[in-house]
C-alpha atoms as a PDB file:
ATOM      1  CA  MET A   1      -3.943  -3.963 -33.429  1.00  0.00           C
ATOM      2  CA  ALA A   2      -4.992  -1.826 -30.478  1.00  0.00           C
ATOM      3  CA  ASP A   3      -6.641  -3.310 -27.391  1.00  0.00           C
ATOM      4  CA  HIS A   4     -10.389  -3.010 -26.994  1.00  0.00           C
ATOM      5  CA  PRO A   5     -11.296   0.110 -24.940  1.00  0.00           C
ATOM      6  CA  ASN A   6     -12.690  -2.115 -22.175  1.00  0.00           C
ATOM      7  CA  VAL A   7      -9.305  -3.855 -21.852  1.00  0.00           C
ATOM      8  CA  GLU A   8      -7.804  -0.427 -21.197  1.00  0.00           C
ATOM      9  CA  LEU A   9     -10.621   0.423 -18.756  1.00  0.00           C
ATOM     10  CA  LEU A  10      -9.953  -2.740 -16.743  1.00  0.00           C
ATOM     11  CA  ARG A  11      -6.170  -2.254 -16.770  1.00  0.00           C
ATOM     12  CA  LYS A  12      -6.725   1.306 -15.531  1.00  0.00           C
ATOM     13  CA  GLY A  13      -8.974  -0.033 -12.764  1.00  0.00           C
ATOM     14  CA  TYR A  14      -6.458  -2.613 -11.556  1.00  0.00           C
ATOM     15  CA  ALA A  15      -3.671  -0.021 -11.576  1.00  0.00           C
ATOM     16  CA  ALA A  16      -5.887   2.310  -9.527  1.00  0.00           C
ATOM     17  CA  TYR A  17      -6.752  -0.482  -7.082  1.00  0.00           C
ATOM     18  CA  GLY A  18      -3.063  -1.333  -6.707  1.00  0.00           C
ATOM     19  CA  SER A  19      -2.147   2.264  -5.924  1.00  0.00           C
ATOM     20  CA  GLY A  20      -5.198   2.962  -3.761  1.00  0.00           C
ATOM     21  CA  ASP A  21      -6.566   5.582  -6.181  1.00  0.00           C
ATOM     22  CA  ILE A  22     -10.223   5.623  -5.120  1.00  0.00           C
ATOM     23  CA  ASP A  23     -10.943   8.659  -7.334  1.00  0.00           C
ATOM     24  CA  VAL A  24     -10.182   6.665 -10.487  1.00  0.00           C
ATOM     25  CA  LEU A  25     -12.186   3.677  -9.241  1.00  0.00           C
ATOM     26  CA  ASN A  26     -15.079   5.995  -8.436  1.00  0.00           C
ATOM     27  CA  GLU A  27     -14.944   7.219 -12.044  1.00  0.00           C
ATOM     28  CA  LEU A  28     -14.880   3.659 -13.447  1.00  0.00           C
ATOM     29  CA  PHE A  29     -17.658   2.168 -11.284  1.00  0.00           C
ATOM     30  CA  ALA A  30     -21.336   2.716 -12.064  1.00  0.00           C
ATOM     31  CA  ASP A  31     -23.355   4.261  -9.221  1.00  0.00           C
ATOM     32  CA  ASP A  32     -25.397   1.052  -8.900  1.00  0.00           C
ATOM     33  CA  ILE A  33     -22.490  -1.389  -9.292  1.00  0.00           C
ATOM     34  CA  ARG A  34     -23.074  -4.930  -8.025  1.00  0.00           C
ATOM     35  CA  TRP A  35     -20.081  -6.869  -6.625  1.00  0.00           C
ATOM     36  CA  HIS A  36     -20.321 -10.607  -5.938  1.00  0.00           C
ATOM     37  CA  ILE A  37     -17.756 -12.356  -3.732  1.00  0.00           C
ATOM     38  CA  ALA A  38     -17.990 -16.136  -3.821  1.00  0.00           C
ATOM     39  CA  GLY A  39     -17.657 -18.498  -0.902  1.00  0.00           C
ATOM     40  CA  ARG A  40     -18.499 -18.667   2.775  1.00  0.00           C
ATOM     41  CA  SER A  41     -15.896 -16.425   4.390  1.00  0.00           C
ATOM     42  CA  GLN A  42     -16.703 -13.215   6.225  1.00  0.00           C
ATOM     43  CA  LEU A  43     -16.036 -11.356   2.947  1.00  0.00           C
ATOM     44  CA  ALA A  44     -18.447 -13.432   0.838  1.00  0.00           C
ATOM     45  CA  GLY A  45     -21.683 -11.929  -0.342  1.00  0.00           C
ATOM     46  CA  ASP A  46     -23.207  -9.345  -2.627  1.00  0.00           C
ATOM     47  CA  TYR A  47     -22.298  -5.679  -2.380  1.00  0.00           C
ATOM     48  CA  GLU A  48     -24.616  -3.063  -3.897  1.00  0.00           C
ATOM     49  CA  GLY A  49     -23.414   0.400  -4.908  1.00  0.00           C
ATOM     50  CA  ARG A  50     -20.031   2.098  -4.709  1.00  0.00           C
ATOM     51  CA  ASP A  51     -20.156   2.669  -0.947  1.00  0.00           C
ATOM     52  CA  GLN A  52     -20.612  -1.024  -0.203  1.00  0.00           C
ATOM     53  CA  VAL A  53     -17.922  -2.020  -2.739  1.00  0.00           C
ATOM     54  CA  PHE A  54     -15.461   0.450  -1.229  1.00  0.00           C
ATOM     55  CA  GLY A  55     -16.457  -0.880   2.204  1.00  0.00           C
ATOM     56  CA  PHE A  56     -15.580  -4.381   0.978  1.00  0.00           C
ATOM     57  CA  PHE A  57     -12.158  -3.105  -0.172  1.00  0.00           C
ATOM     58  CA  GLY A  58     -11.644  -1.527   3.246  1.00  0.00           C
ATOM     59  CA  LYS A  59     -12.539  -4.770   5.055  1.00  0.00           C
ATOM     60  CA  LEU A  60     -10.156  -6.709   2.772  1.00  0.00           C
ATOM     61  CA  MET A  61      -7.332  -4.310   3.665  1.00  0.00           C
ATOM     62  CA  GLU A  62      -8.253  -4.343   7.356  1.00  0.00           C
ATOM     63  CA  LEU A  63      -8.208  -8.151   7.549  1.00  0.00           C
ATOM     64  CA  SER A  64      -4.899  -8.382   5.681  1.00  0.00           C
ATOM     65  CA  GLY A  65      -3.204  -5.471   7.418  1.00  0.00           C
ATOM     66  CA  GLY A  66      -2.957  -3.770   4.023  1.00  0.00           C
ATOM     67  CA  THR A  67      -1.095  -6.688   2.439  1.00  0.00           C
ATOM     68  CA  ALA A  68      -3.767  -7.843  -0.047  1.00  0.00           C
ATOM     69  CA  LYS A  69      -2.404  -7.442  -3.583  1.00  0.00           C
ATOM     70  CA  LEU A  70      -3.380  -8.554  -7.078  1.00  0.00           C
ATOM     71  CA  GLU A  71      -1.052  -9.484  -9.926  1.00  0.00           C
ATOM     72  CA  VAL A  72      -2.790  -9.283 -13.301  1.00  0.00           C
ATOM     73  CA  HIS A  73      -1.845 -12.028 -15.763  1.00  0.00           C
ATOM     74  CA  ASP A  74      -4.202 -11.232 -18.636  1.00  0.00           C
ATOM     75  CA  VAL A  75      -7.177  -9.064 -19.522  1.00  0.00           C
ATOM     76  CA  LEU A  76      -9.778 -10.002 -22.137  1.00  0.00           C
ATOM     77  CA  ALA A  77     -12.755  -7.815 -23.002  1.00  0.00           C
ATOM     78  CA  ASP A  78     -15.376  -6.992 -25.597  1.00  0.00           C
ATOM     79  CA  ASP A  79     -18.221  -4.468 -25.680  1.00  0.00           C
ATOM     80  CA  ASP A  80     -20.130  -6.003 -22.767  1.00  0.00           C
ATOM     81  CA  HIS A  81     -17.827  -8.215 -20.690  1.00  0.00           C
ATOM     82  CA  GLY A  82     -14.311  -8.515 -19.373  1.00  0.00           C
ATOM     83  CA  VAL A  83     -12.328 -11.324 -17.811  1.00  0.00           C
ATOM     84  CA  VAL A  84      -9.182 -10.742 -15.791  1.00  0.00           C
ATOM     85  CA  LEU A  85      -6.881 -13.561 -14.688  1.00  0.00           C
ATOM     86  CA  VAL A  86      -5.150 -12.669 -11.431  1.00  0.00           C
ATOM     87  CA  THR A  87      -3.085 -14.055  -8.598  1.00  0.00           C
ATOM     88  CA  GLY A  88      -3.996 -12.654  -5.212  1.00  0.00           C
ATOM     89  CA  THR A  89      -1.632 -12.558  -2.261  1.00  0.00           C
ATOM     90  CA  ALA A  90      -2.127 -11.531   1.342  1.00  0.00           C
ATOM     91  CA  THR A  91      -0.863 -12.166   4.847  1.00  0.00           C
ATOM     92  CA  ARG A  92      -3.171 -12.570   7.810  1.00  0.00           C
ATOM     93  CA  ASN A  93      -2.467 -13.632  11.387  1.00  0.00           C
ATOM     94  CA  GLY A  94       1.019 -14.758  10.370  1.00  0.00           C
ATOM     95  CA  THR A  95      -0.250 -16.901   7.487  1.00  0.00           C
ATOM     96  CA  SER A  96       0.444 -16.139   3.827  1.00  0.00           C
ATOM     97  CA  PHE A  97      -1.998 -16.795   1.000  1.00  0.00           C
ATOM     98  CA  ILE A  98      -1.462 -17.089  -2.751  1.00  0.00           C
ATOM     99  CA  GLY A  99      -4.463 -17.871  -4.928  1.00  0.00           C
ATOM    100  CA  ASN A 100      -5.347 -17.771  -8.597  1.00  0.00           C
ATOM    101  CA  ASP A 101      -8.645 -16.141  -9.448  1.00  0.00           C
ATOM    102  CA  VAL A 102     -10.856 -15.284 -12.399  1.00  0.00           C
ATOM    103  CA  HIS A 103     -12.613 -11.909 -12.248  1.00  0.00           C
ATOM    104  CA  THR A 104     -15.574 -11.454 -14.580  1.00  0.00           C
ATOM    105  CA  PHE A 105     -17.049  -8.042 -15.334  1.00  0.00           C
ATOM    106  CA  HIS A 106     -20.193  -6.702 -16.976  1.00  0.00           C
ATOM    107  CA  LEU A 107     -19.394  -3.370 -18.612  1.00  0.00           C
ATOM    108  CA  ARG A 108     -21.718  -0.692 -19.956  1.00  0.00           C
ATOM    109  CA  ASP A 109     -20.985   2.785 -21.326  1.00  0.00           C
ATOM    110  CA  GLY A 110     -17.380   2.775 -20.105  1.00  0.00           C
ATOM    111  CA  LYS A 111     -18.287   1.712 -16.558  1.00  0.00           C
ATOM    112  CA  VAL A 112     -18.120  -1.463 -14.506  1.00  0.00           C
ATOM    113  CA  VAL A 113     -21.696  -2.384 -13.628  1.00  0.00           C
ATOM    114  CA  GLU A 114     -21.165  -5.858 -12.165  1.00  0.00           C
ATOM    115  CA  PHE A 115     -18.309  -8.054 -10.913  1.00  0.00           C
ATOM    116  CA  TRP A 116     -18.077 -11.773 -10.102  1.00  0.00           C
ATOM    117  CA  ASP A 117     -15.211 -13.309  -8.121  1.00  0.00           C
ATOM    118  CA  SER A 118     -14.284 -16.921  -8.983  1.00  0.00           C
ATOM    119  CA  PRO A 119     -11.364 -18.290  -6.959  1.00  0.00           C
ATOM    120  CA  VAL A 120      -9.729 -21.373  -8.445  1.00  0.00           C
ATOM    121  CA  ASP A 121      -9.497 -22.903  -4.946  1.00  0.00           C
ATOM    122  CA  GLN A 122     -12.600 -21.676  -3.131  1.00  0.00           C
ATOM    123  CA  TYR A 123     -11.883 -23.811  -0.053  1.00  0.00           C
ATOM    124  CA  ALA A 124      -8.419 -22.288   0.455  1.00  0.00           C
ATOM    125  CA  SER A 125      -9.799 -18.781  -0.039  1.00  0.00           C
ATOM    126  CA  ASP A 126     -12.609 -19.354   2.457  1.00  0.00           C
ATOM    127  CA  GLU A 127     -10.225 -20.824   5.019  1.00  0.00           C
ATOM    128  CA  PHE A 128      -7.825 -17.900   4.746  1.00  0.00           C
ATOM    129  CA  TRP A 129     -10.473 -15.144   4.965  1.00  0.00           C
ATOM    130  CA  SER A 130     -12.661 -16.816   7.635  1.00  0.00           C
END
């Protein structure tokens, strides 16, 4: 049985993120995308629209010296939602971070319209990114 089209959309998005292919991400993100980053670190908050989301990606790379990476473990999706289980890694100020995370997506018409970040260990994530 073939994967749901939204599984393929999300896999394509993570591959594009991993390779820095902003053109593909631009194609996959709705103009009015909403991006929610949990916690209390300097990265936490709500980002509205592609420009702010791409600005968040830039800040993430700036803070980590370009070391922030995601390893996808599984992708689940249906017509409206997707869930991606990931492990994130980064190095910052000589300290390494490894954290499991659950990414939840709202999808509509072949586009990501909303994203929620849910770190398994929010305290460790906040400490690293603060």
